[in-house]
Protein backbone atom coordinates (compact mmCIF):
# COMPACT_ATOMS: atom_id res chain seq x y z
CA MET A 1 66.55 -207.38 -89.33
CA SER A 2 62.66 -207.43 -89.10
CA ASN A 3 59.79 -205.01 -90.84
CA LEU A 4 58.60 -204.38 -87.85
CA PHE A 5 62.10 -202.72 -86.61
CA TRP A 6 61.81 -200.68 -90.18
CA ILE A 7 58.58 -199.53 -89.20
CA LEU A 8 58.84 -198.19 -86.29
CA LEU A 9 62.24 -196.71 -87.18
CA LEU A 10 60.05 -194.74 -89.92
CA CYS A 11 57.57 -193.20 -87.50
CA VAL A 12 60.45 -192.30 -85.23
CA GLY A 13 61.79 -190.54 -88.06
CA LEU A 14 58.62 -189.17 -89.00
CA VAL A 15 57.81 -187.98 -85.72
CA GLY A 16 61.24 -186.23 -85.38
CA CYS A 17 60.40 -184.70 -88.61
CA GLN A 18 57.40 -182.73 -87.72
CA SER A 19 57.80 -179.17 -86.33
CA TRP A 20 54.76 -178.28 -83.70
CA LYS A 21 52.45 -180.23 -85.48
CA ASP A 22 49.02 -181.05 -83.52
CA SER A 23 47.27 -184.37 -83.82
CA CYS A 24 45.39 -183.12 -86.59
CA GLY A 25 48.29 -181.95 -88.89
CA ALA A 26 47.62 -178.43 -88.28
CA GLU A 27 50.59 -175.93 -86.84
CA ALA A 28 50.65 -175.97 -83.27
CA LYS A 29 51.98 -173.40 -81.39
CA PRO A 30 55.43 -174.30 -79.15
CA PRO A 31 54.84 -174.35 -75.94
CA LEU A 32 54.50 -171.36 -73.25
CA ARG A 33 57.16 -169.77 -72.19
CA ALA A 34 58.06 -168.39 -68.96
CA ILE A 35 59.48 -164.99 -68.53
CA GLU A 36 63.54 -164.43 -68.58
CA ARG A 37 64.05 -162.08 -66.28
CA ALA A 38 64.28 -162.90 -62.61
CA VAL A 39 61.49 -162.87 -60.30
CA ASP A 40 62.05 -162.13 -56.82
CA LEU A 41 60.10 -163.99 -54.68
CA ARG A 42 59.85 -162.48 -51.76
CA ARG A 43 58.08 -159.15 -53.42
CA PHE A 44 55.85 -162.07 -55.45
CA MET A 45 54.58 -163.47 -52.24
CA GLY A 46 51.49 -162.34 -51.22
CA ASP A 47 48.05 -161.76 -52.35
CA TRP A 48 46.87 -161.63 -55.85
CA TYR A 49 43.48 -161.26 -57.29
CA VAL A 50 41.91 -163.72 -60.05
CA ILE A 51 41.00 -161.20 -62.46
CA ALA A 52 40.00 -163.54 -65.41
CA HIS A 53 41.05 -166.85 -66.13
CA ILE A 54 40.25 -169.99 -68.60
CA PRO A 55 39.68 -172.08 -65.71
CA THR A 56 40.46 -175.60 -64.57
CA PHE A 57 36.93 -177.45 -63.90
CA ILE A 58 37.05 -176.89 -60.04
CA GLU A 59 36.96 -173.25 -60.75
CA ASP A 60 34.69 -172.26 -64.02
CA GLU A 61 32.28 -170.68 -61.67
CA ALA A 62 34.46 -168.76 -59.40
CA PHE A 63 33.98 -165.47 -57.69
CA ASN A 64 36.20 -163.14 -55.50
CA GLY A 65 39.05 -165.61 -56.28
CA VAL A 66 42.08 -165.20 -54.69
CA GLU A 67 45.98 -166.58 -54.74
CA SER A 68 48.06 -166.29 -51.73
CA TYR A 69 51.88 -166.94 -51.85
CA ARG A 70 54.20 -167.56 -48.87
CA LEU A 71 57.47 -168.23 -49.08
CA ASP A 72 58.46 -170.96 -46.78
CA LYS A 73 62.09 -171.33 -45.42
CA ASP A 74 62.69 -174.80 -47.10
CA GLY A 75 62.37 -172.83 -50.53
CA THR A 76 58.80 -173.96 -51.10
CA ILE A 77 55.52 -171.81 -51.58
CA ALA A 78 52.66 -172.69 -49.38
CA THR A 79 49.90 -171.63 -51.26
CA THR A 80 46.00 -170.87 -51.17
CA TYR A 81 43.85 -170.35 -53.70
CA VAL A 82 40.25 -169.53 -52.29
CA PHE A 83 36.75 -168.63 -53.88
CA ASN A 84 32.98 -168.50 -53.58
CA ASN A 85 31.89 -171.06 -55.82
CA GLY A 86 28.79 -170.26 -58.14
CA GLY A 87 28.06 -166.61 -56.59
CA PHE A 88 29.14 -164.03 -54.39
CA ASP A 89 27.30 -165.87 -51.75
CA GLY A 90 28.26 -169.27 -52.82
CA PRO A 91 30.06 -172.02 -50.37
CA LEU A 92 33.86 -170.94 -50.11
CA LYS A 93 36.58 -173.23 -51.66
CA THR A 94 39.84 -173.37 -50.60
CA TYR A 95 42.73 -175.25 -52.00
CA ARG A 96 46.48 -175.38 -51.21
CA PRO A 97 48.83 -176.78 -53.13
CA THR A 98 52.61 -176.67 -52.51
CA GLY A 99 54.85 -174.71 -54.79
CA PHE A 100 58.34 -175.55 -55.88
CA VAL A 101 60.46 -173.35 -57.78
CA HIS A 102 61.60 -175.21 -61.03
CA ASN A 103 63.64 -172.88 -62.77
CA ARG A 104 65.94 -171.56 -59.69
CA GLU A 105 67.57 -168.88 -62.55
CA THR A 106 64.35 -166.97 -63.17
CA ASN A 107 62.50 -168.34 -60.20
CA ALA A 108 59.37 -167.81 -63.06
CA GLU A 109 59.11 -171.63 -63.91
CA TRP A 110 57.22 -173.48 -61.16
CA ARG A 111 56.02 -176.86 -60.18
CA MET A 112 52.31 -176.99 -58.18
CA GLN A 113 51.29 -180.05 -56.45
CA PHE A 114 48.22 -180.88 -55.93
CA VAL A 115 48.27 -184.04 -55.04
CA TRP A 116 51.40 -186.06 -54.20
CA PRO A 117 53.61 -187.40 -56.03
CA PHE A 118 51.98 -185.17 -58.71
CA LYS A 119 53.55 -181.52 -60.07
CA ALA A 120 52.27 -179.77 -62.54
CA ALA A 121 54.33 -176.88 -64.64
CA TYR A 122 52.92 -173.17 -63.82
CA LEU A 123 54.39 -170.45 -65.49
CA ILE A 124 55.03 -166.71 -64.27
CA ALA A 125 54.90 -165.68 -68.43
CA TYR A 126 54.23 -161.90 -67.69
CA LEU A 127 54.65 -159.66 -64.53
CA ASP A 128 54.97 -155.88 -64.84
CA ASP A 129 57.93 -154.48 -63.14
CA ASN A 130 55.71 -153.13 -60.31
CA TYR A 131 54.54 -156.65 -59.22
CA GLU A 132 51.02 -155.06 -59.78
CA THR A 133 49.94 -157.55 -62.47
CA THR A 134 50.85 -160.81 -63.76
CA VAL A 135 49.86 -163.69 -65.78
CA ILE A 136 50.24 -167.55 -65.06
CA GLY A 137 50.26 -169.70 -67.68
CA VAL A 138 50.83 -173.68 -68.68
CA PRO A 139 53.01 -174.63 -71.10
CA ASP A 140 50.07 -175.64 -73.35
CA ARG A 141 47.77 -172.81 -72.75
CA ASP A 142 44.51 -174.57 -71.83
CA TYR A 143 44.63 -172.22 -68.54
CA VAL A 144 45.41 -168.77 -67.80
CA TRP A 145 44.82 -166.28 -65.01
CA ILE A 146 45.62 -162.68 -65.05
CA MET A 147 45.98 -161.47 -61.50
CA ALA A 148 46.33 -158.45 -59.79
CA ARG A 149 47.37 -156.69 -55.99
CA SER A 150 43.89 -155.21 -56.08
CA LYS A 151 40.09 -156.52 -56.76
CA THR A 152 40.10 -154.76 -59.97
CA ILE A 153 42.05 -153.23 -62.67
CA PRO A 154 41.47 -150.61 -65.20
CA GLU A 155 39.56 -151.62 -68.01
CA ALA A 156 42.43 -150.32 -70.39
CA ARG A 157 44.65 -151.90 -68.61
CA TYR A 158 42.48 -155.30 -68.60
CA GLN A 159 41.89 -155.18 -72.77
CA GLU A 160 46.10 -154.78 -72.98
CA LEU A 161 46.09 -158.28 -70.89
CA VAL A 162 44.16 -159.53 -72.95
CA LYS A 163 45.64 -158.68 -76.08
CA TRP A 164 49.16 -160.12 -74.81
CA LEU A 165 47.69 -163.12 -74.09
CA THR A 166 46.25 -163.20 -77.85
CA ASP A 167 49.34 -162.27 -78.82
CA ASN A 168 50.92 -165.27 -76.90
CA GLY A 169 48.60 -167.77 -78.31
CA HIS A 170 45.24 -168.34 -76.05
CA ASP A 171 42.22 -168.49 -76.90
CA VAL A 172 40.86 -165.52 -75.24
CA ALA A 173 37.46 -166.94 -76.24
CA LYS A 174 37.68 -169.28 -73.34
CA LEU A 175 38.64 -166.31 -71.22
CA ARG A 176 36.83 -165.77 -67.94
CA ARG A 177 36.33 -162.59 -65.70
CA VAL A 178 36.25 -163.43 -62.21
CA PRO A 179 33.87 -161.28 -60.15
CA GLN A 180 35.07 -159.68 -57.49
CA ARG A 181 33.53 -157.77 -54.55
């Protein structure tokens, strides 16, 4: 066997032995997980106001953010995300990705398709028992959304959710409150 084979085998072995290390060698967190209890999809549908987020590039200046979900007959989730860009009177931006329930046991792990054929994992990482507040995240924690059924939530509740984010490995220094009015 060639030396190249043994070098490749050694590299594969070393990569396989690393436990959640990032590219700099620091301990990295395992991927964010969806909640384990079942989500009642019909109850989850409707409007959710974005209270705060670690934003994607398209929403880094969002105001009045609202994400709306509708369960279609084929089981997909028609999603509409609207916000004013740059201010309360800024231009209205509208995005309409399609959601696909990926984990049918819990309904808490979705794939969102913004552009065919690509789908991205989105997780219902937190949901209160009354379906009044939720946290939606992505496995690598680069983006997260705190959402509620109302435009505002009490400050104490907001701080509880920020603590939840911190406890679950999010960089809350990147968290941005989304102004709502």
